[in-house]
Amino acid sequence: MLISPTGTDPDRITAESVVAMALDRPASGASSEWALHAALYRGRPEFAAVVHTHADACTALACLGEGLPLFHYGVLAFGGDVRCAPYVTFGTPQLAQLTAEAMAGRSACLLANHGMIVADRTLRAAVRGARDLERLARQYLLARAAGVPRLLTEDEAEAAIARFATYQRGA
């Protein structure tokens, strides 16, 4: 896999700084979260790109130990509600395992007291998903600050999923 270098500001990553490595062992200079990425690639062959961030709204919600419920139809793009994996120390095999479990049937999850992760078929789609997840987390936190958000019913979620089948998303 190709992975960003450890401790690097995303704005400073270059093609030359990206680390090529095997899925089964660490490589010098690779992100400390390499096992988390590798677990998703091994267990979910449909994923070709993984984006892990500490974006503000996602991290704030993750620090509450909460996932993102179906308060908005946009959450369905991740396969349903976005679960929150329990906290364990970053960079550990346990985090990789808990993340894979939280993402079962999903393309995203929050990492308690840590951040978020989104995976998809292309890097462009995974980056777009990470941006969408951060926006939705921010909207959810804003809605919670104003009151109790109304969640979609099962029938409403199913109708939105059916609508997505004919919905054309801009590139």
N, C-alpha and C. Protein backbone atom coordinates (compact mmCIF):
# COMPACT_ATOMS: atom_id res chain seq x y z
N MET A 1 0.85 -1.17 0.00
CA MET A 1 0.00 0.00 0.00
C MET A 1 0.89 1.24 0.00
N LEU A 2 0.32 2.35 -0.36
CA LEU A 2 0.97 3.64 -0.25
C LEU A 2 0.33 4.36 0.93
N ILE A 3 1.15 4.98 1.76
CA ILE A 3 0.63 5.63 2.96
C ILE A 3 1.45 6.88 3.25
N SER A 4 0.80 7.83 3.89
CA SER A 4 1.50 9.07 4.22
C SER A 4 2.56 8.81 5.29
N PRO A 5 3.55 9.68 5.33
CA PRO A 5 4.59 9.53 6.36
C PRO A 5 4.05 9.91 7.73
N THR A 6 4.63 9.36 8.76
CA THR A 6 4.19 9.63 10.12
C THR A 6 4.45 11.08 10.50
N GLY A 7 3.49 11.66 11.23
CA GLY A 7 3.65 12.99 11.79
C GLY A 7 3.77 14.12 10.78
N THR A 8 3.28 13.93 9.57
CA THR A 8 3.41 14.95 8.55
C THR A 8 2.12 15.75 8.40
N ASP A 9 2.26 17.06 8.31
CA ASP A 9 1.13 17.93 8.01
C ASP A 9 0.60 17.55 6.63
N PRO A 10 -0.71 17.30 6.51
CA PRO A 10 -1.26 16.89 5.21
C PRO A 10 -0.92 17.86 4.07
N ASP A 11 -0.78 19.12 4.39
CA ASP A 11 -0.46 20.10 3.35
C ASP A 11 0.98 19.97 2.85
N ARG A 12 1.79 19.22 3.57
CA ARG A 12 3.20 19.08 3.20
C ARG A 12 3.54 17.72 2.58
N ILE A 13 2.54 16.87 2.42
CA ILE A 13 2.78 15.56 1.82
C ILE A 13 2.99 15.75 0.32
N THR A 14 4.04 15.12 -0.18
CA THR A 14 4.35 15.15 -1.60
C THR A 14 4.40 13.72 -2.12
N ALA A 15 4.41 13.56 -3.41
CA ALA A 15 4.52 12.23 -4.00
C ALA A 15 5.79 11.54 -3.52
N GLU A 16 6.84 12.31 -3.35
CA GLU A 16 8.12 11.74 -2.92
C GLU A 16 8.11 11.31 -1.45
N SER A 17 7.25 11.91 -0.63
CA SER A 17 7.24 11.58 0.79
C SER A 17 6.33 10.40 1.13
N VAL A 18 5.48 9.99 0.20
CA VAL A 18 4.59 8.86 0.43
C VAL A 18 5.42 7.58 0.54
N VAL A 19 5.03 6.71 1.49
CA VAL A 19 5.78 5.49 1.78
C VAL A 19 5.06 4.30 1.14
N ALA A 20 5.80 3.50 0.36
CA ALA A 20 5.29 2.25 -0.19
C ALA A 20 5.65 1.13 0.78
N MET A 21 4.67 0.28 1.10
CA MET A 21 4.94 -0.76 2.10
C MET A 21 4.03 -1.96 1.91
N ALA A 22 4.41 -3.07 2.51
CA ALA A 22 3.59 -4.28 2.53
C ALA A 22 2.47 -4.09 3.55
N LEU A 23 1.43 -4.91 3.42
CA LEU A 23 0.30 -4.82 4.35
C LEU A 23 0.55 -5.51 5.68
N ASP A 24 1.63 -6.27 5.79
CA ASP A 24 1.80 -7.11 6.97
C ASP A 24 2.94 -6.71 7.90
N ARG A 25 3.61 -5.61 7.61
CA ARG A 25 4.70 -5.20 8.52
C ARG A 25 4.97 -3.71 8.35
N PRO A 26 5.41 -3.07 9.41
CA PRO A 26 5.67 -1.62 9.33
C PRO A 26 6.85 -1.31 8.41
N ALA A 27 6.84 -0.11 7.88
CA ALA A 27 7.94 0.37 7.05
C ALA A 27 8.47 1.65 7.65
N SER A 28 9.73 1.88 7.52
CA SER A 28 10.36 3.08 8.05
C SER A 28 9.69 4.33 7.49
N GLY A 29 9.30 5.21 8.38
CA GLY A 29 8.71 6.49 7.98
C GLY A 29 7.22 6.46 7.74
N ALA A 30 6.60 5.27 7.72
CA ALA A 30 5.17 5.17 7.45
C ALA A 30 4.36 5.68 8.64
N SER A 31 3.14 6.09 8.37
CA SER A 31 2.22 6.53 9.42
C SER A 31 2.15 5.51 10.54
N SER A 32 2.04 6.01 11.76
CA SER A 32 1.90 5.11 12.92
C SER A 32 0.59 4.34 12.86
N GLU A 33 -0.33 4.78 12.02
CA GLU A 33 -1.62 4.11 11.87
C GLU A 33 -1.63 3.13 10.70
N TRP A 34 -0.47 2.69 10.25
CA TRP A 34 -0.39 1.81 9.09
C TRP A 34 -1.22 0.54 9.28
N ALA A 35 -1.27 -0.02 10.49
CA ALA A 35 -2.01 -1.27 10.72
C ALA A 35 -3.51 -1.06 10.53
N LEU A 36 -3.99 0.10 10.89
CA LEU A 36 -5.40 0.43 10.71
C LEU A 36 -5.75 0.43 9.23
N HIS A 37 -4.93 1.09 8.42
CA HIS A 37 -5.14 1.12 6.97
C HIS A 37 -5.04 -0.29 6.39
N ALA A 38 -4.01 -1.02 6.78
CA ALA A 38 -3.78 -2.36 6.25
C ALA A 38 -4.94 -3.30 6.57
N ALA A 39 -5.48 -3.20 7.79
CA ALA A 39 -6.60 -4.06 8.17
C ALA A 39 -7.80 -3.83 7.26
N LEU A 40 -8.05 -2.59 6.90
CA LEU A 40 -9.18 -2.30 6.01
C LEU A 40 -8.91 -2.82 4.61
N TYR A 41 -7.71 -2.63 4.10
CA TYR A 41 -7.39 -3.14 2.77
C TYR A 41 -7.48 -4.67 2.72
N ARG A 42 -6.99 -5.34 3.76
CA ARG A 42 -7.03 -6.80 3.78
C ARG A 42 -8.46 -7.32 3.89
N GLY A 43 -9.25 -6.70 4.75
CA GLY A 43 -10.59 -7.21 5.03
C GLY A 43 -11.68 -6.71 4.11
N ARG A 44 -11.42 -5.65 3.38
CA ARG A 44 -12.45 -5.05 2.53
C ARG A 44 -11.86 -4.78 1.14
N PRO A 45 -11.81 -5.77 0.27
CA PRO A 45 -11.17 -5.61 -1.03
C PRO A 45 -11.80 -4.53 -1.91
N GLU A 46 -13.01 -4.11 -1.59
CA GLU A 46 -13.63 -3.03 -2.37
C GLU A 46 -12.99 -1.67 -2.09
N PHE A 47 -12.25 -1.56 -1.01
CA PHE A 47 -11.60 -0.30 -0.67
C PHE A 47 -10.23 -0.20 -1.34
N ALA A 48 -10.01 0.89 -2.02
CA ALA A 48 -8.70 1.16 -2.64
C ALA A 48 -8.06 2.41 -2.04
N ALA A 49 -8.78 3.10 -1.14
CA ALA A 49 -8.25 4.31 -0.52
C ALA A 49 -8.85 4.47 0.87
N VAL A 50 -7.99 4.89 1.80
CA VAL A 50 -8.40 5.12 3.19
C VAL A 50 -7.92 6.50 3.60
N VAL A 51 -8.82 7.30 4.18
CA VAL A 51 -8.48 8.63 4.68
C VAL A 51 -8.77 8.65 6.17
N HIS A 52 -7.74 8.98 6.94
CA HIS A 52 -7.87 9.09 8.40
C HIS A 52 -7.48 10.51 8.80
N THR A 53 -8.38 11.19 9.53
CA THR A 53 -8.09 12.56 9.96
C THR A 53 -8.49 12.76 11.41
N HIS A 54 -8.11 13.90 11.93
CA HIS A 54 -8.52 14.35 13.25
C HIS A 54 -9.34 15.63 13.09
N ALA A 55 -10.21 15.64 12.08
CA ALA A 55 -11.05 16.81 11.79
C ALA A 55 -11.87 17.18 13.02
N ASP A 56 -12.06 18.47 13.21
CA ASP A 56 -12.63 19.01 14.45
C ASP A 56 -13.98 18.42 14.86
N ALA A 57 -14.98 18.50 14.00
CA ALA A 57 -16.32 18.07 14.39
C ALA A 57 -16.38 16.56 14.61
N CYS A 58 -15.74 15.80 13.73
CA CYS A 58 -15.71 14.34 13.91
C CYS A 58 -15.00 13.97 15.20
N THR A 59 -13.89 14.63 15.47
CA THR A 59 -13.15 14.33 16.69
C THR A 59 -13.94 14.74 17.93
N ALA A 60 -14.62 15.88 17.86
CA ALA A 60 -15.45 16.31 19.00
C ALA A 60 -16.53 15.27 19.29
N LEU A 61 -17.21 14.80 18.25
CA LEU A 61 -18.24 13.78 18.45
C LEU A 61 -17.62 12.48 18.96
N ALA A 62 -16.47 12.12 18.42
CA ALA A 62 -15.77 10.91 18.86
C ALA A 62 -15.33 11.02 20.33
N CYS A 63 -15.01 12.24 20.77
CA CYS A 63 -14.62 12.44 22.17
C CYS A 63 -15.81 12.32 23.11
N LEU A 64 -16.99 12.37 22.57
CA LEU A 64 -18.19 12.07 23.35
C LEU A 64 -18.47 10.57 23.36
N GLY A 65 -17.68 9.83 22.58
CA GLY A 65 -17.88 8.38 22.49
C GLY A 65 -19.12 8.02 21.71
N GLU A 66 -19.53 8.91 20.82
CA GLU A 66 -20.77 8.71 20.08
C GLU A 66 -20.50 8.61 18.59
N GLY A 67 -21.37 7.89 17.92
CA GLY A 67 -21.35 7.83 16.48
C GLY A 67 -22.26 8.91 15.91
N LEU A 68 -22.47 8.85 14.62
CA LEU A 68 -23.33 9.81 13.94
C LEU A 68 -24.60 9.09 13.52
N PRO A 69 -25.73 9.41 14.16
CA PRO A 69 -26.98 8.72 13.83
C PRO A 69 -27.58 9.23 12.53
N LEU A 70 -28.64 8.60 12.10
CA LEU A 70 -29.32 8.99 10.85
C LEU A 70 -30.19 10.23 11.07
N PHE A 71 -29.54 11.35 11.30
CA PHE A 71 -30.27 12.61 11.49
C PHE A 71 -30.48 13.30 10.14
N HIS A 72 -29.72 12.90 9.12
CA HIS A 72 -29.75 13.52 7.79
C HIS A 72 -29.55 12.39 6.78
N TYR A 73 -30.24 12.48 5.65
CA TYR A 73 -30.11 11.41 4.67
C TYR A 73 -28.69 11.24 4.14
N GLY A 74 -27.86 12.27 4.24
CA GLY A 74 -26.48 12.18 3.79
C GLY A 74 -25.66 11.14 4.55
N VAL A 75 -26.06 10.84 5.77
CA VAL A 75 -25.34 9.84 6.56
C VAL A 75 -25.46 8.46 5.90
N LEU A 76 -26.53 8.23 5.16
CA LEU A 76 -26.73 6.95 4.49
C LEU A 76 -25.64 6.65 3.47
N ALA A 77 -24.95 7.66 2.98
CA ALA A 77 -23.88 7.44 2.00
C ALA A 77 -22.76 6.57 2.57
N PHE A 78 -22.68 6.47 3.89
CA PHE A 78 -21.64 5.66 4.54
C PHE A 78 -22.13 4.26 4.87
N GLY A 79 -23.34 3.92 4.45
CA GLY A 79 -23.88 2.59 4.67
C GLY A 79 -24.86 2.50 5.81
N GLY A 80 -25.17 3.60 6.43
CA GLY A 80 -26.06 3.65 7.59
C GLY A 80 -25.45 4.58 8.61
N ASP A 81 -25.90 4.50 9.84
CA ASP A 81 -25.31 5.34 10.87
C ASP A 81 -23.81 5.12 10.90
N VAL A 82 -23.08 6.10 11.37
CA VAL A 82 -21.62 5.99 11.45
C VAL A 82 -21.29 5.65 12.89
N ARG A 83 -20.77 4.45 13.08
CA ARG A 83 -20.47 3.96 14.43
C ARG A 83 -19.20 4.61 14.97
N CYS A 84 -19.05 4.52 16.29
CA CYS A 84 -17.84 5.01 16.95
C CYS A 84 -17.13 3.81 17.56
N ALA A 85 -15.90 3.54 17.09
CA ALA A 85 -15.10 2.45 17.66
C ALA A 85 -14.66 2.85 19.06
N PRO A 86 -14.61 1.92 20.00
CA PRO A 86 -14.16 2.24 21.36
C PRO A 86 -12.72 2.74 21.37
N TYR A 87 -12.38 3.48 22.41
CA TYR A 87 -11.02 4.00 22.52
C TYR A 87 -10.03 2.90 22.90
N VAL A 88 -8.95 2.88 22.17
CA VAL A 88 -7.73 2.15 22.53
C VAL A 88 -6.58 3.02 22.04
N THR A 89 -5.39 2.74 22.49
CA THR A 89 -4.23 3.54 22.14
C THR A 89 -4.02 3.58 20.63
N PHE A 90 -3.70 4.76 20.13
CA PHE A 90 -3.47 4.94 18.70
C PHE A 90 -2.28 4.09 18.24
N GLY A 91 -2.33 3.71 16.96
CA GLY A 91 -1.23 2.97 16.37
C GLY A 91 -1.10 1.52 16.80
N THR A 92 -2.13 0.98 17.45
CA THR A 92 -2.05 -0.40 17.94
C THR A 92 -2.87 -1.35 17.07
N PRO A 93 -2.51 -2.64 17.11
CA PRO A 93 -3.32 -3.63 16.40
C PRO A 93 -4.77 -3.66 16.91
N GLN A 94 -4.97 -3.36 18.20
CA GLN A 94 -6.32 -3.35 18.76
C GLN A 94 -7.17 -2.26 18.08
N LEU A 95 -6.58 -1.10 17.82
CA LEU A 95 -7.32 -0.05 17.13
C LEU A 95 -7.69 -0.50 15.73
N ALA A 96 -6.78 -1.15 15.04
CA ALA A 96 -7.08 -1.66 13.69
C ALA A 96 -8.26 -2.63 13.74
N GLN A 97 -8.26 -3.54 14.71
CA GLN A 97 -9.33 -4.54 14.84
C GLN A 97 -10.67 -3.87 15.16
N LEU A 98 -10.69 -2.97 16.13
CA LEU A 98 -11.94 -2.30 16.52
C LEU A 98 -12.47 -1.42 15.40
N THR A 99 -11.59 -0.81 14.64
CA THR A 99 -12.01 0.00 13.50
C THR A 99 -12.66 -0.87 12.44
N ALA A 100 -12.03 -1.99 12.11
CA ALA A 100 -12.61 -2.90 11.12
C ALA A 100 -13.99 -3.38 11.57
N GLU A 101 -14.15 -3.65 12.85
CA GLU A 101 -15.45 -4.09 13.37
C GLU A 101 -16.48 -2.96 13.27
N ALA A 102 -16.10 -1.74 13.63
CA ALA A 102 -17.03 -0.61 13.56
C ALA A 102 -17.44 -0.29 12.13
N MET A 103 -16.57 -0.63 11.19
CA MET A 103 -16.85 -0.34 9.79
C MET A 103 -17.52 -1.49 9.06
N ALA A 104 -17.88 -2.56 9.75
CA ALA A 104 -18.57 -3.67 9.10
C ALA A 104 -19.85 -3.15 8.44
N GLY A 105 -19.95 -3.33 7.14
CA GLY A 105 -21.13 -2.84 6.40
C GLY A 105 -21.16 -1.35 6.21
N ARG A 106 -20.09 -0.67 6.54
CA ARG A 106 -20.01 0.79 6.45
C ARG A 106 -18.73 1.19 5.73
N SER A 107 -18.66 2.45 5.33
CA SER A 107 -17.44 2.97 4.72
C SER A 107 -16.79 4.04 5.58
N ALA A 108 -17.28 4.22 6.80
CA ALA A 108 -16.70 5.22 7.70
C ALA A 108 -16.99 4.84 9.14
N CYS A 109 -16.16 5.36 10.03
CA CYS A 109 -16.45 5.28 11.45
C CYS A 109 -15.69 6.38 12.16
N LEU A 110 -16.13 6.66 13.37
CA LEU A 110 -15.40 7.56 14.25
C LEU A 110 -14.55 6.70 15.18
N LEU A 111 -13.47 7.27 15.66
CA LEU A 111 -12.57 6.59 16.56
C LEU A 111 -12.60 7.34 17.89
N ALA A 112 -13.13 6.71 18.93
CA ALA A 112 -13.33 7.40 20.21
C ALA A 112 -12.06 8.11 20.66
N ASN A 113 -12.24 9.37 21.06
CA ASN A 113 -11.15 10.20 21.59
C ASN A 113 -9.96 10.28 20.63
N HIS A 114 -10.25 10.27 19.33
CA HIS A 114 -9.17 10.20 18.35
C HIS A 114 -9.50 10.95 17.06
N GLY A 115 -10.46 10.48 16.28
CA GLY A 115 -10.72 11.08 14.98
C GLY A 115 -11.72 10.29 14.18
N MET A 116 -11.46 10.19 12.87
CA MET A 116 -12.37 9.50 11.97
C MET A 116 -11.61 8.82 10.87
N ILE A 117 -12.31 7.91 10.19
CA ILE A 117 -11.72 7.21 9.05
C ILE A 117 -12.82 6.95 8.02
N VAL A 118 -12.46 7.14 6.76
CA VAL A 118 -13.37 6.90 5.64
C VAL A 118 -12.59 6.10 4.59
N ALA A 119 -13.24 5.12 3.99
CA ALA A 119 -12.61 4.33 2.93
C ALA A 119 -13.55 4.27 1.74
N ASP A 120 -12.98 4.15 0.55
CA ASP A 120 -13.79 4.09 -0.66
C ASP A 120 -13.00 3.45 -1.79
N ARG A 121 -13.60 3.42 -2.96
CA ARG A 121 -12.99 2.78 -4.13
C ARG A 121 -11.90 3.60 -4.79
N THR A 122 -11.90 4.92 -4.57
CA THR A 122 -10.87 5.79 -5.13
C THR A 122 -10.45 6.80 -4.08
N LEU A 123 -9.26 7.36 -4.25
CA LEU A 123 -8.80 8.38 -3.32
C LEU A 123 -9.70 9.60 -3.37
N ARG A 124 -10.12 10.01 -4.55
CA ARG A 124 -11.03 11.15 -4.69
C ARG A 124 -12.31 10.92 -3.90
N ALA A 125 -12.88 9.73 -4.03
CA ALA A 125 -14.13 9.42 -3.32
C ALA A 125 -13.91 9.37 -1.81
N ALA A 126 -12.78 8.84 -1.36
CA ALA A 126 -12.51 8.77 0.07
C ALA A 126 -12.30 10.17 0.66
N VAL A 127 -11.60 11.03 -0.06
CA VAL A 127 -11.41 12.42 0.40
C VAL A 127 -12.75 13.14 0.44
N ARG A 128 -13.57 12.97 -0.60
CA ARG A 128 -14.89 13.59 -0.61
C ARG A 128 -15.73 13.06 0.55
N GLY A 129 -15.64 11.75 0.82
CA GLY A 129 -16.37 11.17 1.94
C GLY A 129 -15.92 11.76 3.27
N ALA A 130 -14.61 11.96 3.43
CA ALA A 130 -14.09 12.54 4.68
C ALA A 130 -14.62 13.97 4.85
N ARG A 131 -14.64 14.73 3.78
CA ARG A 131 -15.20 16.10 3.86
C ARG A 131 -16.68 16.06 4.20
N ASP A 132 -17.41 15.15 3.56
CA ASP A 132 -18.85 15.03 3.82
C ASP A 132 -19.11 14.61 5.27
N LEU A 133 -18.32 13.66 5.76
CA LEU A 133 -18.50 13.20 7.14
C LEU A 133 -18.24 14.33 8.12
N GLU A 134 -17.20 15.12 7.88
CA GLU A 134 -16.90 16.25 8.76
C GLU A 134 -18.04 17.27 8.74
N ARG A 135 -18.57 17.57 7.55
CA ARG A 135 -19.69 18.51 7.44
C ARG A 135 -20.91 17.99 8.19
N LEU A 136 -21.23 16.71 8.02
CA LEU A 136 -22.39 16.13 8.69
C LEU A 136 -22.20 16.11 10.21
N ALA A 137 -21.00 15.81 10.68
CA ALA A 137 -20.74 15.82 12.13
C ALA A 137 -20.92 17.22 12.68
N ARG A 138 -20.45 18.22 11.95
CA ARG A 138 -20.61 19.61 12.38
C ARG A 138 -22.10 19.98 12.43
N GLN A 139 -22.85 19.60 11.40
CA GLN A 139 -24.29 19.89 11.39
C GLN A 139 -25.01 19.19 12.54
N TYR A 140 -24.62 17.96 12.82
CA TYR A 140 -25.24 17.23 13.92
C TYR A 140 -24.95 17.91 15.26
N LEU A 141 -23.71 18.31 15.47
CA LEU A 141 -23.37 19.00 16.72
C LEU A 141 -24.10 20.33 16.84
N LEU A 142 -24.25 21.05 15.73
CA LEU A 142 -25.02 22.31 15.75
C LEU A 142 -26.48 22.03 16.10
N ALA A 143 -27.05 20.99 15.49
CA ALA A 143 -28.45 20.64 15.78
C ALA A 143 -28.62 20.25 17.24
N ARG A 144 -27.67 19.50 17.78
CA ARG A 144 -27.73 19.11 19.19
C ARG A 144 -27.62 20.31 20.11
N ALA A 145 -26.83 21.29 19.72
CA ALA A 145 -26.69 22.49 20.54
C ALA A 145 -28.02 23.25 20.61
N ALA A 146 -28.85 23.12 19.59
CA ALA A 146 -30.13 23.82 19.53
C ALA A 146 -31.27 23.00 20.10
N GLY A 147 -31.08 21.70 20.24
CA GLY A 147 -32.15 20.84 20.74
C GLY A 147 -31.83 19.39 20.49
N VAL A 148 -32.89 18.58 20.35
CA VAL A 148 -32.74 17.15 20.10
C VAL A 148 -33.01 16.90 18.62
N PRO A 149 -32.01 16.49 17.86
CA PRO A 149 -32.23 16.26 16.43
C PRO A 149 -33.25 15.15 16.18
N ARG A 150 -34.07 15.36 15.18
CA ARG A 150 -35.03 14.36 14.74
C ARG A 150 -34.28 13.35 13.87
N LEU A 151 -34.40 12.08 14.17
CA LEU A 151 -33.75 11.05 13.38
C LEU A 151 -34.70 10.51 12.32
N LEU A 152 -34.14 10.08 11.20
CA LEU A 152 -34.95 9.49 10.15
C LEU A 152 -35.54 8.17 10.63
N THR A 153 -36.76 7.91 10.24
CA THR A 153 -37.36 6.62 10.54
C THR A 153 -36.80 5.58 9.57
N GLU A 154 -37.06 4.32 9.84
CA GLU A 154 -36.60 3.26 8.95
C GLU A 154 -37.22 3.42 7.56
N ASP A 155 -38.52 3.77 7.51
CA ASP A 155 -39.18 3.98 6.22
C ASP A 155 -38.56 5.16 5.47
N GLU A 156 -38.26 6.23 6.17
CA GLU A 156 -37.63 7.39 5.53
C GLU A 156 -36.23 7.06 5.01
N ALA A 157 -35.49 6.27 5.78
CA ALA A 157 -34.15 5.87 5.34
C ALA A 157 -34.24 5.00 4.10
N GLU A 158 -35.17 4.05 4.08
CA GLU A 158 -35.33 3.18 2.91
C GLU A 158 -35.74 3.98 1.68
N ALA A 159 -36.62 4.97 1.86
CA ALA A 159 -37.03 5.82 0.73
C ALA A 159 -35.85 6.63 0.20
N ALA A 160 -35.00 7.12 1.09
CA ALA A 160 -33.82 7.87 0.66
C ALA A 160 -32.84 6.96 -0.08
N ILE A 161 -32.66 5.74 0.39
CA ILE A 161 -31.78 4.79 -0.29
C ILE A 161 -32.31 4.51 -1.69
N ALA A 162 -33.61 4.32 -1.82
CA ALA A 162 -34.21 4.09 -3.14
C ALA A 162 -34.00 5.31 -4.04
N ARG A 163 -34.11 6.48 -3.49
CA ARG A 163 -33.92 7.71 -4.26
C ARG A 163 -32.48 7.85 -4.72
N PHE A 164 -31.53 7.45 -3.87
CA PHE A 164 -30.12 7.51 -4.24
C PHE A 164 -29.83 6.69 -5.50
N ALA A 165 -30.59 5.63 -5.72
CA ALA A 165 -30.36 4.77 -6.88
C ALA A 165 -30.52 5.52 -8.20
N THR A 166 -31.30 6.60 -8.19
CA THR A 166 -31.53 7.39 -9.41
C THR A 166 -30.95 8.78 -9.32
N TYR A 167 -30.23 9.06 -8.24
CA TYR A 167 -29.67 10.39 -7.99
C TYR A 167 -28.30 10.51 -8.64
N GLN A 168 -28.10 11.56 -9.41
CA GLN A 168 -26.83 11.79 -10.07
C GLN A 168 -26.03 12.81 -9.27
N ARG A 169 -24.90 12.36 -8.71
CA ARG A 169 -24.04 13.24 -7.93
C ARG A 169 -23.03 13.91 -8.85
N GLY A 170 -22.80 15.20 -8.66
CA GLY A 170 -21.82 15.92 -9.46
C GLY A 170 -20.42 15.40 -9.23
N ALA A 171 -19.58 15.51 -10.23
CA ALA A 171 -18.20 14.99 -10.13
C ALA A 171 -17.35 15.85 -9.22
